[in-house]
Every structure is written in structure tokens, then in C-alpha cells.
N, C-alpha and C. Protein backbone atom coordinates (compact mmCIF):
# COMPACT_ATOMS: atom_id res chain seq x y z
N VAL A 1 -8.35 4.51 -12.35
CA VAL A 1 -7.19 4.40 -11.48
C VAL A 1 -7.49 3.47 -10.31
N GLY A 2 -8.69 3.54 -9.75
CA GLY A 2 -9.01 2.75 -8.57
C GLY A 2 -9.20 1.27 -8.85
N ALA A 3 -9.25 0.87 -10.13
CA ALA A 3 -9.48 -0.53 -10.46
C ALA A 3 -8.28 -1.41 -10.16
N VAL A 4 -7.11 -0.83 -10.09
CA VAL A 4 -5.89 -1.59 -9.81
C VAL A 4 -5.59 -1.45 -8.33
N SER A 5 -5.30 -2.55 -7.68
CA SER A 5 -4.99 -2.47 -6.26
C SER A 5 -3.80 -3.36 -5.91
N LEU A 6 -3.21 -3.02 -4.78
CA LEU A 6 -2.10 -3.81 -4.23
C LEU A 6 -2.50 -4.25 -2.83
N LYS A 7 -1.95 -5.33 -2.40
CA LYS A 7 -2.14 -5.68 -0.99
C LYS A 7 -1.52 -4.56 -0.17
N LYS A 8 -2.22 -4.18 0.89
CA LYS A 8 -1.79 -3.05 1.71
C LYS A 8 -0.38 -3.25 2.26
N LYS A 9 -0.08 -4.44 2.73
CA LYS A 9 1.26 -4.68 3.29
C LYS A 9 2.33 -4.56 2.22
N VAL A 10 2.03 -4.97 1.00
CA VAL A 10 3.00 -4.83 -0.09
C VAL A 10 3.21 -3.35 -0.39
N PHE A 11 2.12 -2.58 -0.48
CA PHE A 11 2.21 -1.14 -0.73
C PHE A 11 3.08 -0.47 0.32
N ARG A 12 2.89 -0.82 1.58
CA ARG A 12 3.66 -0.20 2.66
C ARG A 12 5.11 -0.67 2.67
N ALA A 13 5.39 -1.88 2.18
CA ALA A 13 6.75 -2.43 2.21
C ALA A 13 7.60 -1.98 1.02
N LEU A 14 6.98 -1.66 -0.12
CA LEU A 14 7.75 -1.34 -1.32
C LEU A 14 8.79 -0.24 -1.12
N PRO A 15 8.49 0.89 -0.46
CA PRO A 15 9.52 1.92 -0.31
C PRO A 15 10.74 1.48 0.49
N THR A 16 10.58 0.51 1.38
CA THR A 16 11.71 0.01 2.15
C THR A 16 12.48 -1.04 1.35
N ILE A 17 11.77 -1.96 0.74
CA ILE A 17 12.42 -3.03 -0.02
C ILE A 17 13.18 -2.47 -1.21
N CYS A 18 12.60 -1.49 -1.89
CA CYS A 18 13.23 -0.89 -3.07
C CYS A 18 13.64 0.56 -2.78
N ARG A 19 14.24 0.78 -1.63
CA ARG A 19 14.55 2.16 -1.22
C ARG A 19 15.53 2.84 -2.17
N ASP A 20 16.36 2.09 -2.86
CA ASP A 20 17.28 2.70 -3.82
C ASP A 20 16.53 3.30 -5.01
N ARG A 21 15.34 2.84 -5.27
CA ARG A 21 14.51 3.38 -6.34
C ARG A 21 13.59 4.50 -5.86
N LEU A 22 13.48 4.66 -4.54
CA LEU A 22 12.54 5.61 -3.97
C LEU A 22 13.06 6.15 -2.64
N PRO A 23 14.11 6.97 -2.66
CA PRO A 23 14.72 7.39 -1.40
C PRO A 23 13.83 8.25 -0.50
N GLY A 24 12.86 8.93 -1.07
CA GLY A 24 12.01 9.80 -0.25
C GLY A 24 10.64 9.24 0.05
N GLY A 25 10.46 7.93 -0.11
CA GLY A 25 9.14 7.35 0.10
C GLY A 25 8.16 7.84 -0.94
N TYR A 26 6.88 7.62 -0.69
CA TYR A 26 5.87 8.00 -1.67
C TYR A 26 5.77 9.51 -1.86
N ALA A 27 6.30 10.29 -0.93
CA ALA A 27 6.35 11.75 -1.11
C ALA A 27 7.21 12.11 -2.33
N SER A 28 8.12 11.23 -2.72
CA SER A 28 8.94 11.46 -3.91
C SER A 28 8.09 11.65 -5.16
N PHE A 29 6.89 11.07 -5.16
CA PHE A 29 5.99 11.19 -6.30
C PHE A 29 4.95 12.29 -6.11
N GLY A 30 5.05 13.00 -5.02
CA GLY A 30 4.11 14.08 -4.76
C GLY A 30 2.90 13.68 -3.95
N PHE A 31 2.88 12.45 -3.44
CA PHE A 31 1.78 12.07 -2.56
C PHE A 31 1.89 12.84 -1.26
N MET A 32 0.76 13.29 -0.76
CA MET A 32 0.72 14.08 0.47
C MET A 32 0.20 13.21 1.60
N THR A 33 0.65 13.52 2.79
CA THR A 33 0.17 12.80 3.97
C THR A 33 -0.40 13.80 4.96
N GLU A 34 -1.24 13.30 5.82
CA GLU A 34 -1.79 14.10 6.91
C GLU A 34 -1.37 13.45 8.21
N PRO A 35 -1.07 14.25 9.22
CA PRO A 35 -0.68 13.68 10.51
C PRO A 35 -1.76 12.73 11.04
N GLY A 36 -1.31 11.60 11.55
CA GLY A 36 -2.22 10.63 12.13
C GLY A 36 -2.87 9.68 11.14
N HIS A 37 -2.52 9.80 9.85
CA HIS A 37 -3.07 8.91 8.84
C HIS A 37 -1.97 8.01 8.28
N GLU A 38 -2.28 6.75 8.17
CA GLU A 38 -1.30 5.76 7.72
C GLU A 38 -1.02 5.84 6.23
N LEU A 39 -2.03 6.15 5.44
CA LEU A 39 -1.90 6.16 3.99
C LEU A 39 -1.90 7.58 3.45
N PRO A 40 -1.23 7.82 2.33
CA PRO A 40 -1.25 9.15 1.72
C PRO A 40 -2.66 9.55 1.28
N ILE A 41 -2.87 10.84 1.11
CA ILE A 41 -4.13 11.34 0.57
C ILE A 41 -4.30 10.77 -0.83
N GLY A 42 -5.49 10.25 -1.11
CA GLY A 42 -5.76 9.67 -2.42
C GLY A 42 -5.51 8.18 -2.50
N VAL A 43 -5.08 7.58 -1.40
CA VAL A 43 -4.89 6.13 -1.34
C VAL A 43 -5.91 5.60 -0.34
N SER A 44 -6.78 4.72 -0.81
CA SER A 44 -7.83 4.20 0.06
C SER A 44 -7.67 2.71 0.27
N ARG A 45 -8.21 2.25 1.39
CA ARG A 45 -8.13 0.83 1.75
C ARG A 45 -9.47 0.16 1.45
N ARG A 46 -9.38 -1.03 0.91
CA ARG A 46 -10.55 -1.87 0.67
C ARG A 46 -10.23 -3.27 1.17
N ARG A 47 -11.23 -3.93 1.68
CA ARG A 47 -11.04 -5.31 2.13
C ARG A 47 -11.65 -6.21 1.06
N ARG A 48 -10.81 -7.03 0.44
CA ARG A 48 -11.26 -7.94 -0.62
C ARG A 48 -10.86 -9.36 -0.25
N ILE A 49 -11.82 -10.21 -0.22
CA ILE A 49 -11.62 -11.63 0.09
C ILE A 49 -10.81 -11.79 1.38
N GLY A 50 -11.13 -10.96 2.37
CA GLY A 50 -10.49 -11.06 3.67
C GLY A 50 -9.10 -10.46 3.76
N VAL A 51 -8.65 -9.75 2.72
CA VAL A 51 -7.30 -9.17 2.71
C VAL A 51 -7.41 -7.68 2.41
N ASP A 52 -6.67 -6.87 3.16
CA ASP A 52 -6.66 -5.43 2.92
C ASP A 52 -5.85 -5.10 1.67
N HIS A 53 -6.48 -4.34 0.78
CA HIS A 53 -5.85 -3.84 -0.44
C HIS A 53 -5.90 -2.32 -0.42
N VAL A 54 -5.04 -1.69 -1.20
CA VAL A 54 -5.10 -0.24 -1.38
C VAL A 54 -5.18 0.06 -2.87
N GLY A 55 -5.76 1.19 -3.16
CA GLY A 55 -5.86 1.67 -4.53
C GLY A 55 -5.97 3.18 -4.51
N LEU A 56 -5.82 3.77 -5.65
CA LEU A 56 -5.92 5.22 -5.74
C LEU A 56 -7.38 5.62 -5.92
N ASN A 57 -7.75 6.73 -5.30
CA ASN A 57 -9.09 7.27 -5.51
C ASN A 57 -8.96 8.66 -6.12
N CYS A 58 -10.06 9.33 -6.29
CA CYS A 58 -10.09 10.64 -6.98
C CYS A 58 -9.14 11.66 -6.36
N ALA A 59 -8.98 11.61 -5.05
CA ALA A 59 -8.15 12.61 -4.37
C ALA A 59 -6.67 12.51 -4.74
N ALA A 60 -6.24 11.38 -5.29
CA ALA A 60 -4.83 11.26 -5.71
C ALA A 60 -4.51 12.30 -6.76
N CYS A 61 -5.41 12.51 -7.70
CA CYS A 61 -5.18 13.46 -8.80
C CYS A 61 -5.87 14.81 -8.57
N HIS A 62 -6.79 14.84 -7.63
CA HIS A 62 -7.59 16.05 -7.44
C HIS A 62 -7.46 16.61 -6.03
N SER A 63 -6.24 16.74 -5.56
CA SER A 63 -5.96 17.45 -4.30
C SER A 63 -4.54 17.97 -4.38
N GLY A 64 -4.33 19.09 -3.76
CA GLY A 64 -3.01 19.72 -3.76
C GLY A 64 -2.85 20.57 -2.51
N THR A 65 -1.79 21.31 -2.46
CA THR A 65 -1.54 22.16 -1.30
C THR A 65 -1.29 23.60 -1.73
N VAL A 66 -1.60 24.50 -0.83
CA VAL A 66 -1.29 25.92 -0.97
C VAL A 66 -0.76 26.40 0.37
N ARG A 67 -0.08 27.52 0.33
CA ARG A 67 0.38 28.17 1.56
C ARG A 67 -0.20 29.57 1.59
N ASP A 68 -0.65 30.00 2.76
CA ASP A 68 -1.20 31.34 2.89
C ASP A 68 -0.10 32.39 2.80
N THR A 69 1.07 32.05 3.31
CA THR A 69 2.25 32.90 3.20
C THR A 69 3.43 31.99 2.90
N PRO A 70 4.56 32.52 2.46
CA PRO A 70 5.71 31.65 2.18
C PRO A 70 6.18 30.83 3.38
N THR A 71 5.90 31.28 4.59
CA THR A 71 6.35 30.56 5.78
C THR A 71 5.25 29.73 6.43
N SER A 72 4.03 29.81 5.91
CA SER A 72 2.92 29.03 6.46
C SER A 72 3.07 27.56 6.12
N PRO A 73 2.51 26.70 6.96
CA PRO A 73 2.51 25.27 6.60
C PRO A 73 1.58 25.04 5.41
N PRO A 74 1.84 24.02 4.61
CA PRO A 74 0.95 23.73 3.48
C PRO A 74 -0.45 23.35 3.97
N ARG A 75 -1.44 23.78 3.23
CA ARG A 75 -2.83 23.47 3.53
C ARG A 75 -3.38 22.66 2.37
N VAL A 76 -3.96 21.49 2.67
CA VAL A 76 -4.50 20.61 1.64
C VAL A 76 -5.83 21.18 1.14
N VAL A 77 -5.97 21.22 -0.18
CA VAL A 77 -7.21 21.68 -0.80
C VAL A 77 -7.72 20.55 -1.70
N LEU A 78 -8.84 19.97 -1.32
CA LEU A 78 -9.44 18.91 -2.13
C LEU A 78 -10.10 19.54 -3.34
N GLY A 79 -9.95 18.91 -4.49
CA GLY A 79 -10.55 19.39 -5.72
C GLY A 79 -9.61 20.17 -6.60
N MET A 80 -8.49 20.62 -6.04
CA MET A 80 -7.54 21.34 -6.90
C MET A 80 -6.63 20.34 -7.59
N PRO A 81 -5.97 20.71 -8.66
CA PRO A 81 -5.07 19.78 -9.34
C PRO A 81 -3.93 19.33 -8.44
N ALA A 82 -3.52 18.10 -8.61
CA ALA A 82 -2.37 17.57 -7.87
C ALA A 82 -1.11 17.97 -8.63
N HIS A 83 -0.72 19.22 -8.46
CA HIS A 83 0.35 19.81 -9.25
C HIS A 83 1.72 19.20 -9.01
N LYS A 84 1.87 18.43 -7.97
CA LYS A 84 3.17 17.80 -7.69
C LYS A 84 3.16 16.29 -7.93
N LEU A 85 2.02 15.71 -8.27
CA LEU A 85 1.91 14.26 -8.41
C LEU A 85 2.54 13.77 -9.71
N ASP A 86 3.43 12.79 -9.58
CA ASP A 86 4.04 12.13 -10.73
C ASP A 86 3.45 10.73 -10.81
N LEU A 87 2.25 10.64 -11.36
CA LEU A 87 1.53 9.37 -11.41
C LEU A 87 2.27 8.34 -12.27
N GLN A 88 2.83 8.78 -13.38
CA GLN A 88 3.57 7.86 -14.25
C GLN A 88 4.79 7.31 -13.52
N GLY A 89 5.49 8.16 -12.77
CA GLY A 89 6.64 7.70 -12.00
C GLY A 89 6.24 6.69 -10.94
N PHE A 90 5.08 6.92 -10.30
CA PHE A 90 4.58 5.99 -9.29
C PHE A 90 4.29 4.63 -9.91
N VAL A 91 3.58 4.62 -11.03
CA VAL A 91 3.25 3.36 -11.70
C VAL A 91 4.52 2.63 -12.13
N GLN A 92 5.48 3.37 -12.67
CA GLN A 92 6.75 2.78 -13.09
C GLN A 92 7.49 2.16 -11.90
N PHE A 93 7.48 2.88 -10.76
CA PHE A 93 8.12 2.35 -9.55
C PHE A 93 7.46 1.05 -9.11
N VAL A 94 6.13 1.03 -9.07
CA VAL A 94 5.42 -0.19 -8.63
C VAL A 94 5.75 -1.35 -9.57
N LEU A 95 5.75 -1.09 -10.86
CA LEU A 95 6.09 -2.15 -11.81
C LEU A 95 7.52 -2.65 -11.62
N GLU A 96 8.47 -1.73 -11.54
CA GLU A 96 9.87 -2.13 -11.40
C GLU A 96 10.13 -2.85 -10.09
N CYS A 97 9.58 -2.34 -9.01
CA CYS A 97 9.81 -2.98 -7.71
C CYS A 97 9.10 -4.32 -7.64
N SER A 98 7.94 -4.44 -8.29
CA SER A 98 7.22 -5.72 -8.31
C SER A 98 8.01 -6.80 -9.02
N LEU A 99 8.82 -6.41 -9.98
CA LEU A 99 9.64 -7.36 -10.73
C LEU A 99 11.02 -7.56 -10.12
N ASP A 100 11.35 -6.80 -9.09
CA ASP A 100 12.66 -6.87 -8.45
C ASP A 100 12.77 -8.17 -7.64
N SER A 101 13.90 -8.82 -7.73
CA SER A 101 14.10 -10.10 -7.01
C SER A 101 14.08 -9.94 -5.50
N ARG A 102 14.24 -8.71 -5.01
CA ARG A 102 14.19 -8.48 -3.55
C ARG A 102 12.78 -8.53 -3.00
N LEU A 103 11.78 -8.36 -3.84
CA LEU A 103 10.39 -8.38 -3.39
C LEU A 103 9.94 -9.84 -3.29
N THR A 104 10.00 -10.34 -2.09
CA THR A 104 9.59 -11.71 -1.81
C THR A 104 8.59 -11.70 -0.66
N PRO A 105 7.82 -12.76 -0.50
CA PRO A 105 6.91 -12.80 0.65
C PRO A 105 7.65 -12.61 1.98
N ALA A 106 8.82 -13.20 2.09
CA ALA A 106 9.60 -13.06 3.33
C ALA A 106 10.03 -11.62 3.55
N ALA A 107 10.39 -10.92 2.50
CA ALA A 107 10.82 -9.51 2.63
C ALA A 107 9.64 -8.65 3.08
N VAL A 108 8.46 -8.92 2.56
CA VAL A 108 7.27 -8.16 2.96
C VAL A 108 6.94 -8.47 4.42
N ARG A 109 6.92 -9.74 4.78
CA ARG A 109 6.63 -10.12 6.18
C ARG A 109 7.63 -9.51 7.13
N ALA A 110 8.88 -9.39 6.73
CA ALA A 110 9.91 -8.83 7.62
C ALA A 110 9.63 -7.38 7.99
N GLN A 111 8.85 -6.68 7.16
CA GLN A 111 8.52 -5.29 7.45
C GLN A 111 7.45 -5.16 8.54
N PHE A 112 6.76 -6.26 8.85
CA PHE A 112 5.66 -6.25 9.79
C PHE A 112 5.79 -7.38 10.80
N PRO A 113 6.75 -7.25 11.72
CA PRO A 113 6.93 -8.34 12.69
C PRO A 113 5.65 -8.56 13.51
N ALA A 114 5.43 -9.81 13.84
CA ALA A 114 4.21 -10.19 14.57
C ALA A 114 4.16 -9.68 15.96
């Protein structure tokens, strides 16, 4: 899974550029986030040839949440199955949005004003 990567800015821009395909952001596929972290759990950043890329790591498929009580906030447990992750849906979204005519260099740059 980690062998395929996207430029970080493209990864961050896809949910906005193709929002009709992904109304709930990456959480729509079951990716979890932690407060204060830019990327979902299981998505790691690598610097390749001077450019930030992201890819999936083990935690994408091997982390989940539990609640101590029905009203408790979810607690992330590393190593448990990612029971809400729709990896196939995520890959399909990336492929479809990558082929969408709206995904242009200008559209990506517009998401990150200087």
C-alpha cells in the first residue's frame, strides 16, 4: 500500500476539487483524524526529490476506534482492524478524481494561496 504516493498538496486538494464525489472528506472512507494533525491516521508524509508526498502506512488498515460507553468519545486503538475503512472506495475516488478535468495544476494551487 505504501508504494503508491501522491503529492501532498494534491492529496489535500482532491476532496475540495471533487467534492461532489466525496461530500464528507476522507472521513467518508473511514479515515480517522486526531486533533492537531493535518493528515488522517495511516497517511504518512515522505519527502521525495524535494517534494512532499503522502502514502498509506500500516495504520491505515490496522487501527480503529472503540468507545468505553455509548456516549464516550471514540478512542483510537492501534493494531485493531480498521472496521470502517473503505480502501477500495478510496482508491476508486483517487483514480476518478485524478482523471477528472477539474483536477488541474491551477485548481490545486488555488487551494493553497501563497
